Protein backbone atom coordinates (compact mmCIF):
# COMPACT_ATOMS: atom_id res chain seq x y z
CA UNK A 1 -0.32 0.30 -0.01
CA UNK A 2 3.08 2.01 0.42
CA UNK A 3 4.57 1.70 -2.37
CA UNK A 4 1.29 2.60 -4.49
CA UNK A 5 0.43 5.92 -2.35
CA UNK A 6 4.26 6.56 -3.11
CA UNK A 7 3.82 5.99 -6.77
CA UNK A 8 0.53 7.64 -6.94
CA UNK A 9 -1.67 4.54 -8.07
CA UNK A 10 -4.17 4.49 -5.27
CA UNK A 11 -7.26 2.65 -6.00
CA UNK A 12 -10.50 3.00 -6.41
CA UNK A 13 -12.21 0.43 -4.33
CA UNK A 14 -10.47 -1.67 -1.52
CA UNK A 15 -11.61 -5.07 0.53
CA UNK A 16 -11.43 -6.19 3.77
CA UNK A 17 -12.23 -9.42 5.00
CA UNK A 18 -13.65 -8.02 8.07
CA UNK A 19 -15.01 -4.73 9.02
CA UNK A 20 -11.86 -4.76 12.22
CA UNK A 21 -9.66 -4.81 9.83
CA UNK A 22 -11.29 -2.50 7.35
CA UNK A 23 -11.20 0.10 10.22
CA UNK A 24 -7.32 -0.50 10.91
CA UNK A 25 -6.72 -0.02 7.15
CA UNK A 26 -9.04 3.47 7.40
CA UNK A 27 -6.45 4.48 10.09
CA UNK A 28 -2.81 3.01 8.28
CA UNK A 29 -3.87 4.95 5.10
CA UNK A 30 -5.02 8.30 7.28
CA UNK A 31 -1.02 7.98 8.80
CA UNK A 32 0.45 7.28 5.42
CA UNK A 33 -1.20 9.96 3.31
CA UNK A 34 -3.98 12.24 4.80
CA UNK A 35 -4.85 13.46 1.72
CA UNK A 36 -5.22 9.95 -0.83
CA UNK A 37 -8.10 10.62 -1.75
CA UNK A 38 -11.65 8.89 -2.06
CA UNK A 39 -12.25 5.29 -2.58
CA UNK A 40 -14.99 2.50 -2.23
CA UNK A 41 -14.42 -0.43 0.64
CA UNK A 42 -16.48 -2.88 0.94
CA UNK A 43 -16.42 -5.39 4.21
CA UNK A 44 -18.25 -8.14 6.49
CA UNK A 45 -19.56 -7.95 9.65
CA UNK A 46 -22.19 -4.47 9.78
CA UNK A 47 -21.24 -2.98 12.41
CA UNK A 48 -22.18 -0.04 13.73
CA UNK A 49 -19.10 2.01 13.34
CA UNK A 50 -19.22 1.67 9.69
CA UNK A 51 -22.24 4.19 9.40
CA UNK A 52 -19.88 7.09 10.55
CA UNK A 53 -16.29 5.86 8.85
CA UNK A 54 -14.93 8.35 6.14
CA UNK A 55 -15.11 7.53 2.94
CA UNK A 56 -18.04 5.16 3.65
CA UNK A 57 -17.44 1.81 4.33
CA UNK A 58 -19.90 -0.35 2.75
CA UNK A 59 -20.06 -4.18 5.01
CA UNK A 60 -22.16 -6.95 4.85
CA UNK A 61 -24.16 -8.90 7.95
CA UNK A 62 -22.89 -12.17 7.57
CA UNK A 63 -26.00 -14.60 9.26
CA UNK A 64 -23.27 -17.00 10.51
CA UNK A 65 -25.54 -19.36 12.51
CA UNK A 66 -27.23 -20.29 9.14
CA UNK A 67 -23.96 -20.79 7.54
CA UNK A 68 -23.00 -22.89 10.24
CA UNK A 69 -26.13 -24.75 10.05
CA UNK A 70 -26.21 -25.28 6.33
CA UNK A 71 -22.99 -26.37 6.02
CA UNK A 72 -23.67 -28.81 9.04
CA UNK A 73 -26.84 -30.02 7.28
CA UNK A 74 -25.03 -30.73 3.85
CA UNK A 75 -22.01 -32.71 5.56
CA UNK A 76 -24.20 -35.01 7.23
CA UNK A 77 -26.63 -35.68 4.10
CA UNK A 78 -23.90 -37.20 2.13
């Protein structure tokens, strides 16, 4: 990421595996270059903090219990 910023190649969109990882990335980008520009950001977990982040964080609620139940039932049906 440091090299991309120093080369002036900030991506248009970034993805993180979780909201906590996205929050950390926001902090690091702000420290590296407070004027990195606008970019889209997406992640999973749907934490409340995401609503207050700039640039906005698109976050997806994952229903882990349903995923677990589905995975278990598909494994037990084989």
